[in-house]
PDB file of N, CA and C in Angstrom:
ATOM      1  N   MET A   1     113.090  69.806 110.810  1.00  0.00           N
ATOM      2  CA  MET A   1     113.680  71.054 110.366  1.00  0.00           C
ATOM      3  C   MET A   1     113.909  71.048 108.865  1.00  0.00           C
ATOM      4  N   ILE A   2     114.335  69.927 108.315  1.00  0.00           N
ATOM      5  CA  ILE A   2     114.596  69.836 106.883  1.00  0.00           C
ATOM      6  C   ILE A   2     113.297  69.982 106.093  1.00  0.00           C
ATOM      7  N   ALA A   3     112.212  69.477 106.616  1.00  0.00           N
ATOM      8  CA  ALA A   3     110.930  69.563 105.922  1.00  0.00           C
ATOM      9  C   ALA A   3     110.505  71.016 105.706  1.00  0.00           C
ATOM     10  N   LEU A   4     110.897  71.907 106.596  1.00  0.00           N
ATOM     11  CA  LEU A   4     110.535  73.312 106.449  1.00  0.00           C
ATOM     12  C   LEU A   4     111.257  73.982 105.286  1.00  0.00           C
ATOM     13  N   LEU A   5     112.377  73.436 104.867  1.00  0.00           N
ATOM     14  CA  LEU A   5     113.166  74.064 103.816  1.00  0.00           C
ATOM     15  C   LEU A   5     112.909  73.494 102.432  1.00  0.00           C
ATOM     16  N   THR A   6     112.029  72.535 102.301  1.00  0.00           N
ATOM     17  CA  THR A   6     111.760  71.977 100.986  1.00  0.00           C
ATOM     18  C   THR A   6     110.985  72.964 100.147  1.00  0.00           C
ATOM     19  N   PRO A   7     111.308  73.069  98.845  1.00  0.00           N
ATOM     20  CA  PRO A   7     110.660  74.059  97.988  1.00  0.00           C
ATOM     21  C   PRO A   7     109.150  73.914  97.914  1.00  0.00           C
ATOM     22  N   GLY A   8     108.641  72.720  97.946  1.00  0.00           N
ATOM     23  CA  GLY A   8     107.198  72.525  97.856  1.00  0.00           C
ATOM     24  C   GLY A   8     106.448  73.159  99.010  1.00  0.00           C
ATOM     25  N   LEU A   9     106.984  73.041 100.195  1.00  0.00           N
ATOM     26  CA  LEU A   9     106.317  73.615 101.357  1.00  0.00           C
ATOM     27  C   LEU A   9     106.378  75.139 101.348  1.00  0.00           C
ATOM     28  N   LEU A  10     107.496  75.688 100.932  1.00  0.00           N
ATOM     29  CA  LEU A  10     107.601  77.144 100.870  1.00  0.00           C
ATOM     30  C   LEU A  10     106.634  77.715  99.839  1.00  0.00           C
ATOM     31  N   GLY A  11     106.517  77.048  98.703  1.00  0.00           N
ATOM     32  CA  GLY A  11     105.583  77.496  97.675  1.00  0.00           C
ATOM     33  C   GLY A  11     104.144  77.409  98.151  1.00  0.00           C
ATOM     34  N   ALA A  12     103.826  76.348  98.883  1.00  0.00           N
ATOM     35  CA  ALA A  12     102.469  76.186  99.392  1.00  0.00           C
ATOM     36  C   ALA A  12     102.136  77.288 100.392  1.00  0.00           C
ATOM     37  N   THR A  13     103.097  77.628 101.228  1.00  0.00           N
ATOM     38  CA  THR A  13     102.867  78.693 102.208  1.00  0.00           C
ATOM     39  C   THR A  13     102.667  80.026 101.505  1.00  0.00           C
ATOM     40  N   ALA A  14     103.469  80.314 100.503  1.00  0.00           N
ATOM     41  CA  ALA A  14     103.345  81.577  99.779  1.00  0.00           C
ATOM     42  C   ALA A  14     102.004  81.650  99.054  1.00  0.00           C
ATOM     43  N   SER A  15     101.582  80.547  98.435  1.00  0.00           N
ATOM     44  CA  SER A  15     100.305  80.588  97.723  1.00  0.00           C
ATOM     45  C   SER A  15      99.140  80.684  98.693  1.00  0.00           C
ATOM     46  N   THR A  16      99.265  80.070  99.855  1.00  0.00           N
ATOM     47  CA  THR A  16      98.213  80.178 100.877  1.00  0.00           C
ATOM     48  C   THR A  16      98.102  81.610 101.359  1.00  0.00           C
ATOM     49  N   GLU A  17      99.228  82.273 101.598  1.00  0.00           N
ATOM     50  CA  GLU A  17      99.208  83.667 102.030  1.00  0.00           C
ATOM     51  C   GLU A  17      98.616  84.564 100.954  1.00  0.00           C
ATOM     52  N   ALA A  18      98.934  84.295  99.689  1.00  0.00           N
ATOM     53  CA  ALA A  18      98.370  85.092  98.597  1.00  0.00           C
ATOM     54  C   ALA A  18      96.862  84.884  98.513  1.00  0.00           C
ATOM     55  N   GLY A  19      96.406  83.650  98.724  1.00  0.00           N
ATOM     56  CA  GLY A  19      94.971  83.380  98.710  1.00  0.00           C
ATOM     57  C   GLY A  19      94.255  84.076  99.848  1.00  0.00           C
ATOM     58  N   GLN A  20      94.892  84.099 101.012  1.00  0.00           N
ATOM     59  CA  GLN A  20      94.294  84.804 102.150  1.00  0.00           C
ATOM     60  C   GLN A  20      94.248  86.299 101.903  1.00  0.00           C
ATOM     61  N   ALA A  21      95.281  86.847 101.263  1.00  0.00           N
ATOM     62  CA  ALA A  21      95.291  88.282 100.957  1.00  0.00           C
ATOM     63  C   ALA A  21      94.164  88.627 100.006  1.00  0.00           C
ATOM     64  N   ARG A  22      93.927  87.772  98.984  1.00  0.00           N
ATOM     65  CA  ARG A  22      92.820  88.029  98.053  1.00  0.00           C
ATOM     66  C   ARG A  22      91.478  87.949  98.774  1.00  0.00           C
ATOM     67  N   THR A  23      91.349  86.972  99.677  1.00  0.00           N
ATOM     68  CA  THR A  23      90.116  86.841 100.451  1.00  0.00           C
ATOM     69  C   THR A  23      89.912  88.062 101.331  1.00  0.00           C
ATOM     70  N   ASN A  24      90.999  88.517 101.970  1.00  0.00           N
ATOM     71  CA  ASN A  24      90.902  89.707 102.820  1.00  0.00           C
ATOM     72  C   ASN A  24      90.550  90.934 101.995  1.00  0.00           C
ATOM     73  N   ASP A  25      91.137  91.060 100.801  1.00  0.00           N
ATOM     74  CA  ASP A  25      90.823  92.193  99.930  1.00  0.00           C
ATOM     75  C   ASP A  25      89.351  92.191  99.545  1.00  0.00           C
ATOM     76  N   ALA A  26      88.822  91.027  99.223  1.00  0.00           N
ATOM     77  CA  ALA A  26      87.404  90.930  98.867  1.00  0.00           C
ATOM     78  C   ALA A  26      86.533  91.272 100.068  1.00  0.00           C
ATOM     79  N   GLY A  27      86.946  90.843 101.245  1.00  0.00           N
ATOM     80  CA  GLY A  27      86.199  91.151 102.455  1.00  0.00           C
ATOM     81  C   GLY A  27      86.211  92.642 102.767  1.00  0.00           C
ATOM     82  N   ILE A  28      87.361  93.268 102.544  1.00  0.00           N
ATOM     83  CA  ILE A  28      87.481  94.714 102.764  1.00  0.00           C
ATOM     84  C   ILE A  28      86.558  95.464 101.814  1.00  0.00           C
ATOM     85  N   GLU A  29      86.583  95.081 100.543  1.00  0.00           N
ATOM     86  CA  GLU A  29      85.739  95.752  99.543  1.00  0.00           C
ATOM     87  C   GLU A  29      84.257  95.573  99.863  1.00  0.00           C
ATOM     88  N   ASP A  30      83.877  94.373 100.272  1.00  0.00           N
ATOM     89  CA  ASP A  30      82.473  94.101 100.601  1.00  0.00           C
ATOM     90  C   ASP A  30      82.031  94.902 101.826  1.00  0.00           C
ATOM     91  N   ALA A  31      82.870  94.919 102.854  1.00  0.00           N
ATOM     92  CA  ALA A  31      82.525  95.669 104.071  1.00  0.00           C
ATOM     93  C   ALA A  31      82.438  97.166 103.791  1.00  0.00           C
ATOM     94  N   ALA A  32      83.350  97.675 102.960  1.00  0.00           N
ATOM     95  CA  ALA A  32      83.334  99.104 102.626  1.00  0.00           C
ATOM     96  C   ALA A  32      82.068  99.456 101.845  1.00  0.00           C
ATOM     97  N   LYS A  33      81.664  98.575 100.928  1.00  0.00           N
ATOM     98  CA  LYS A  33      80.449  98.825 100.155  1.00  0.00           C
ATOM     99  C   LYS A  33      79.208  98.776 101.057  1.00  0.00           C
ATOM    100  N   GLN A  34      79.199  97.842 101.997  1.00  0.00           N
ATOM    101  CA  GLN A  34      78.075  97.766 102.928  1.00  0.00           C
ATOM    102  C   GLN A  34      77.999  99.005 103.812  1.00  0.00           C
ATOM    103  N   LEU A  35      79.155  99.484 104.267  1.00  0.00           N
ATOM    104  CA  LEU A  35      79.180 100.689 105.087  1.00  0.00           C
ATOM    105  C   LEU A  35      78.675 101.891 104.296  1.00  0.00           C
ATOM    106  N   GLU A  36      79.092 101.987 103.042  1.00  0.00           N
ATOM    107  CA  GLU A  36      78.599 103.083 102.215  1.00  0.00           C
ATOM    108  C   GLU A  36      77.092 102.968 102.008  1.00  0.00           C
ATOM    109  N   GLY A  37      76.583 101.742 101.872  1.00  0.00           N
ATOM    110  CA  GLY A  37      75.140 101.536 101.731  1.00  0.00           C
ATOM    111  C   GLY A  37      74.378 102.012 102.953  1.00  0.00           C
ATOM    112  N   VAL A  38      74.905 101.707 104.139  1.00  0.00           N
ATOM    113  CA  VAL A  38      74.268 102.157 105.381  1.00  0.00           C
ATOM    114  C   VAL A  38      74.293 103.680 105.451  1.00  0.00           C
ATOM    115  N   PHE A  39      75.440 104.266 105.117  1.00  0.00           N
ATOM    116  CA  PHE A  39      75.576 105.716 105.157  1.00  0.00           C
ATOM    117  C   PHE A  39      74.618 106.382 104.165  1.00  0.00           C
ATOM    118  N   MET A  40      74.530 105.838 102.954  1.00  0.00           N
ATOM    119  CA  MET A  40      73.624 106.390 101.949  1.00  0.00           C
ATOM    120  C   MET A  40      72.165 106.243 102.396  1.00  0.00           C
ATOM    121  N   SER A  41      71.834 105.126 103.051  1.00  0.00           N
ATOM    122  CA  SER A  41      70.479 104.930 103.573  1.00  0.00           C
ATOM    123  C   SER A  41      70.136 105.986 104.612  1.00  0.00           C
ATOM    124  N   MET A  42      71.114 106.305 105.459  1.00  0.00           N
ATOM    125  CA  MET A  42      70.892 107.337 106.471  1.00  0.00           C
ATOM    126  C   MET A  42      70.670 108.702 105.822  1.00  0.00           C
ATOM    127  N   LEU A  43      71.428 109.001 104.785  1.00  0.00           N
ATOM    128  CA  LEU A  43      71.246 110.266 104.076  1.00  0.00           C
ATOM    129  C   LEU A  43      69.877 110.344 103.408  1.00  0.00           C
ATOM    130  N   VAL A  44      69.480 109.265 102.754  1.00  0.00           N
ATOM    131  CA  VAL A  44      68.186 109.226 102.075  1.00  0.00           C
ATOM    132  C   VAL A  44      67.059 109.338 103.104  1.00  0.00           C
ATOM    133  N   ASP A  45      67.222 108.676 104.243  1.00  0.00           N
ATOM    134  CA  ASP A  45      66.206 108.737 105.293  1.00  0.00           C
ATOM    135  C   ASP A  45      66.017 110.175 105.773  1.00  0.00           C
ATOM    136  N   GLU A  46      67.107 110.886 105.987  1.00  0.00           N
ATOM    137  CA  GLU A  46      67.009 112.290 106.405  1.00  0.00           C
ATOM    138  C   GLU A  46      66.367 113.148 105.317  1.00  0.00           C
ATOM    139  N   MET A  47      66.679 112.821 104.080  1.00  0.00           N
ATOM    140  CA  MET A  47      66.150 113.580 102.958  1.00  0.00           C
ATOM    141  C   MET A  47      64.625 113.438 102.852  1.00  0.00           C
ATOM    142  N   PHE A  48      64.123 112.254 103.178  1.00  0.00           N
ATOM    143  CA  PHE A  48      62.687 111.989 103.041  1.00  0.00           C
ATOM    144  C   PHE A  48      61.888 112.244 104.318  1.00  0.00           C
ATOM    145  N   LYS A  49      62.513 112.738 105.370  1.00  0.00           N
ATOM    146  CA  LYS A  49      61.810 112.923 106.654  1.00  0.00           C
ATOM    147  C   LYS A  49      60.588 113.825 106.545  1.00  0.00           C
ATOM    148  N   GLY A  50      60.617 114.846 105.743  1.00  0.00           N
ATOM    149  CA  GLY A  50      59.498 115.772 105.650  1.00  0.00           C
ATOM    150  C   GLY A  50      58.475 115.406 104.605  1.00  0.00           C
ATOM    151  N   THR A  51      58.590 114.229 104.010  1.00  0.00           N
ATOM    152  CA  THR A  51      57.669 113.839 102.944  1.00  0.00           C
ATOM    153  C   THR A  51      56.779 112.691 103.411  1.00  0.00           C
ATOM    154  N   ASP A  52      55.715 112.450 102.670  1.00  0.00           N
ATOM    155  CA  ASP A  52      54.839 111.312 102.929  1.00  0.00           C
ATOM    156  C   ASP A  52      55.185 110.225 101.912  1.00  0.00           C
ATOM    157  N   LEU A  53      56.371 109.680 102.058  1.00  0.00           N
ATOM    158  CA  LEU A  53      56.905 108.712 101.110  1.00  0.00           C
ATOM    159  C   LEU A  53      56.105 107.418 101.050  1.00  0.00           C
ATOM    160  N   THR A  54      55.597 106.981 102.178  1.00  0.00           N
ATOM    161  CA  THR A  54      55.007 105.647 102.253  1.00  0.00           C
ATOM    162  C   THR A  54      53.486 105.646 102.389  1.00  0.00           C
ATOM    163  N   GLY A  55      52.866 106.768 102.320  1.00  0.00           N
ATOM    164  CA  GLY A  55      51.417 106.814 102.452  1.00  0.00           C
ATOM    165  C   GLY A  55      50.947 106.467 103.856  1.00  0.00           C
ATOM    166  N   GLY A  56      51.695 106.852 104.874  1.00  0.00           N
ATOM    167  CA  GLY A  56      51.287 106.626 106.250  1.00  0.00           C
ATOM    168  C   GLY A  56      51.751 105.311 106.848  1.00  0.00           C
ATOM    169  N   GLN A  57      52.517 104.523 106.147  1.00  0.00           N
ATOM    170  CA  GLN A  57      53.034 103.256 106.660  1.00  0.00           C
ATOM    171  C   GLN A  57      54.531 103.404 106.961  1.00  0.00           C
ATOM    172  N   PRO A  58      54.916 103.737 108.196  1.00  0.00           N
ATOM    173  CA  PRO A  58      56.316 104.037 108.509  1.00  0.00           C
ATOM    174  C   PRO A  58      57.275 102.868 108.298  1.00  0.00           C
ATOM    175  N   ILE A  59      56.794 101.633 108.434  1.00  0.00           N
ATOM    176  CA  ILE A  59      57.695 100.500 108.245  1.00  0.00           C
ATOM    177  C   ILE A  59      58.209 100.448 106.807  1.00  0.00           C
ATOM    178  N   TYR A  60      57.373 100.827 105.868  1.00  0.00           N
ATOM    179  CA  TYR A  60      57.795 100.812 104.467  1.00  0.00           C
ATOM    180  C   TYR A  60      58.818 101.899 104.177  1.00  0.00           C
ATOM    181  N   GLY A  61      58.750 102.997 104.911  1.00  0.00           N
ATOM    182  CA  GLY A  61      59.717 104.073 104.724  1.00  0.00           C
ATOM    183  C   GLY A  61      61.137 103.594 104.992  1.00  0.00           C
ATOM    184  N   GLY A  62      61.322 102.808 106.064  1.00  0.00           N
ATOM    185  CA  GLY A  62      62.638 102.260 106.372  1.00  0.00           C
ATOM    186  C   GLY A  62      63.124 101.297 105.313  1.00  0.00           C
ATOM    187  N   LEU A  63      62.215 100.486 104.810  1.00  0.00           N
ATOM    188  CA  LEU A  63      62.593  99.532 103.758  1.00  0.00           C
ATOM    189  C   LEU A  63      62.965 100.243 102.461  1.00  0.00           C
ATOM    190  N   ILE A  64      62.195 101.275 102.140  1.00  0.00           N
ATOM    191  CA  ILE A  64      62.461 102.020 100.909  1.00  0.00           C
ATOM    192  C   ILE A  64      63.808 102.730 100.990  1.00  0.00           C
ATOM    193  N   THR A  65      64.048 103.408 102.110  1.00  0.00           N
ATOM    194  CA  THR A  65      65.310 104.144 102.229  1.00  0.00           C
ATOM    195  C   THR A  65      66.503 103.203 102.292  1.00  0.00           C
ATOM    196  N   GLN A  66      66.345 102.045 102.929  1.00  0.00           N
ATOM    197  CA  GLN A  66      67.436 101.072 102.984  1.00  0.00           C
ATOM    198  C   GLN A  66      67.760 100.551 101.584  1.00  0.00           C
ATOM    199  N   GLN A  67      66.735 100.184 100.842  1.00  0.00           N
ATOM    200  CA  GLN A  67      66.952  99.660  99.495  1.00  0.00           C
ATOM    201  C   GLN A  67      67.537 100.727  98.580  1.00  0.00           C
ATOM    202  N   LEU A  68      67.027 101.942  98.683  1.00  0.00           N
ATOM    203  CA  LEU A  68      67.542 103.036  97.858  1.00  0.00           C
ATOM    204  C   LEU A  68      69.007 103.324  98.199  1.00  0.00           C
ATOM    205  N   GLY A  69      69.342 103.322  99.481  1.00  0.00           N
ATOM    206  CA  GLY A  69      70.729 103.537  99.886  1.00  0.00           C
ATOM    207  C   GLY A  69      71.659 102.459  99.371  1.00  0.00           C
ATOM    208  N   ASP A  70      71.229 101.201  99.469  1.00  0.00           N
ATOM    209  CA  ASP A  70      72.045 100.087  98.962  1.00  0.00           C
ATOM    210  C   ASP A  70      72.206 100.168  97.446  1.00  0.00           C
ATOM    211  N   THR A  71      71.135 100.535  96.750  1.00  0.00           N
ATOM    212  CA  THR A  71      71.193 100.657  95.295  1.00  0.00           C
ATOM    213  C   THR A  71      72.130 101.788  94.875  1.00  0.00           C
ATOM    214  N   LEU A  72      72.056 102.901  95.580  1.00  0.00           N
ATOM    215  CA  LEU A  72      72.959 104.014  95.287  1.00  0.00           C
ATOM    216  C   LEU A  72      74.415 103.621  95.524  1.00  0.00           C
ATOM    217  N   ALA A  73      74.678 102.903  96.602  1.00  0.00           N
ATOM    218  CA  ALA A  73      76.047 102.463  96.893  1.00  0.00           C
ATOM    219  C   ALA A  73      76.540 101.484  95.840  1.00  0.00           C
ATOM    220  N   ASP A  74      75.678 100.554  95.404  1.00  0.00           N
ATOM    221  CA  ASP A  74      76.056  99.594  94.368  1.00  0.00           C
ATOM    222  C   ASP A  74      76.351 100.279  93.037  1.00  0.00           C
ATOM    223  N   ALA A  75      75.683 101.398  92.803  1.00  0.00           N
ATOM    224  CA  ALA A  75      75.873 102.128  91.552  1.00  0.00           C
ATOM    225  C   ALA A  75      77.107 103.033  91.587  1.00  0.00           C
ATOM    226  N   GLY A  76      77.844 103.012  92.672  1.00  0.00           N
ATOM    227  CA  GLY A  76      79.044 103.828  92.764  1.00  0.00           C
ATOM    228  C   GLY A  76      79.012 104.788  93.932  1.00  0.00           C
ATOM    229  N   GLY A  77      77.833 105.106  94.402  1.00  0.00           N
ATOM    230  CA  GLY A  77      77.694 105.948  95.580  1.00  0.00           C
ATOM    231  C   GLY A  77      78.430 107.257  95.475  1.00  0.00           C
ATOM    232  N   MET A  78      79.056 107.637  96.571  1.00  0.00           N
ATOM    233  CA  MET A  78      79.793 108.896  96.641  1.00  0.00           C
ATOM    234  C   MET A  78      81.299 108.657  96.568  1.00  0.00           C
ATOM    235  N   GLY A  79      81.701 107.412  96.396  1.00  0.00           N
ATOM    236  CA  GLY A  79      83.114 107.095  96.379  1.00  0.00           C
ATOM    237  C   GLY A  79      83.662 106.777  97.760  1.00  0.00           C
ATOM    238  N   LEU A  80      82.785 106.711  98.745  1.00  0.00           N
ATOM    239  CA  LEU A  80      83.210 106.428 100.112  1.00  0.00           C
ATOM    240  C   LEU A  80      83.806 105.023 100.229  1.00  0.00           C
ATOM    241  N   ALA A  81      83.181 104.045  99.598  1.00  0.00           N
ATOM    242  CA  ALA A  81      83.683 102.668  99.656  1.00  0.00           C
ATOM    243  C   ALA A  81      85.072 102.566  99.043  1.00  0.00           C
ATOM    244  N   ALA A  82      85.296 103.258  97.942  1.00  0.00           N
ATOM    245  CA  ALA A  82      86.615 103.227  97.294  1.00  0.00           C
ATOM    246  C   ALA A  82      87.681 103.843  98.196  1.00  0.00           C
ATOM    247  N   MET A  83      87.341 104.943  98.871  1.00  0.00           N
ATOM    248  CA  MET A  83      88.310 105.586  99.769  1.00  0.00           C
ATOM    249  C   MET A  83      88.623 104.699 100.971  1.00  0.00           C
ATOM    250  N   ILE A  84      87.607 104.077 101.550  1.00  0.00           N
ATOM    251  CA  ILE A  84      87.819 103.195 102.696  1.00  0.00           C
ATOM    252  C   ILE A  84      88.657 101.989 102.280  1.00  0.00           C
ATOM    253  N   THR A  85      88.329 101.407 101.140  1.00  0.00           N
ATOM    254  CA  THR A  85      89.080 100.248 100.645  1.00  0.00           C
ATOM    255  C   THR A  85      90.542 100.613 100.417  1.00  0.00           C
ATOM    256  N   ALA A  86      90.802 101.736  99.784  1.00  0.00           N
ATOM    257  CA  ALA A  86      92.185 102.165  99.531  1.00  0.00           C
ATOM    258  C   ALA A  86      92.944 102.373 100.832  1.00  0.00           C
ATOM    259  N   GLN A  87      92.289 102.990 101.807  1.00  0.00           N
ATOM    260  CA  GLN A  87      92.950 103.226 103.106  1.00  0.00           C
ATOM    261  C   GLN A  87      93.275 101.915 103.806  1.00  0.00           C
ATOM    262  N   LEU A  88      92.327 100.995 103.836  1.00  0.00           N
ATOM    263  CA  LEU A  88      92.559  99.735 104.551  1.00  0.00           C
ATOM    264  C   LEU A  88      93.565  98.846 103.839  1.00  0.00           C
ATOM    265  N   LYS A  89      93.563  98.831 102.536  1.00  0.00           N
ATOM    266  CA  LYS A  89      94.543  98.029 101.805  1.00  0.00           C
ATOM    267  C   LYS A  89      95.936  98.638 101.885  1.00  0.00           C
ATOM    268  N   GLY A  90      96.011  99.950 101.969  1.00  0.00           N
ATOM    269  CA  GLY A  90      97.307 100.602 102.028  1.00  0.00           C
ATOM    270  C   GLY A  90      97.990 100.486 103.369  1.00  0.00           C
ATOM    271  N   ASN A  91      97.253 100.169 104.399  1.00  0.00           N
ATOM    272  CA  ASN A  91      97.825 100.098 105.748  1.00  0.00           C
ATOM    273  C   ASN A  91      98.341  98.732 106.097  1.00  0.00           C
ATOM    274  N   ARG A  92      98.271  97.788 105.171  1.00  0.00           N
ATOM    275  CA  ARG A  92      98.787  96.451 105.476  1.00  0.00           C
ATOM    276  C   ARG A  92     100.234  96.348 105.158  1.00  0.00           C
TER     277      ARG A  92
END
């Protein structure tokens, strides 16, 4: 019981919790950015449905739209990742 009250152990627990919170925050931001990338890919895919984007090779169309969606999300996207991150961090 006395070991639980020593200052060193309390400090270690607090720093461990702070480290986990930073890790969780980074995980939230990464997941939100990935979700926005998927969403942007879906939008781009719908946008290109009526075009001959890939010259008749449908597999390349999926790769192109996925990469374009991820690139758009990395560049800031529509702000969806920021809104999701703010909501998830605020609910803790």
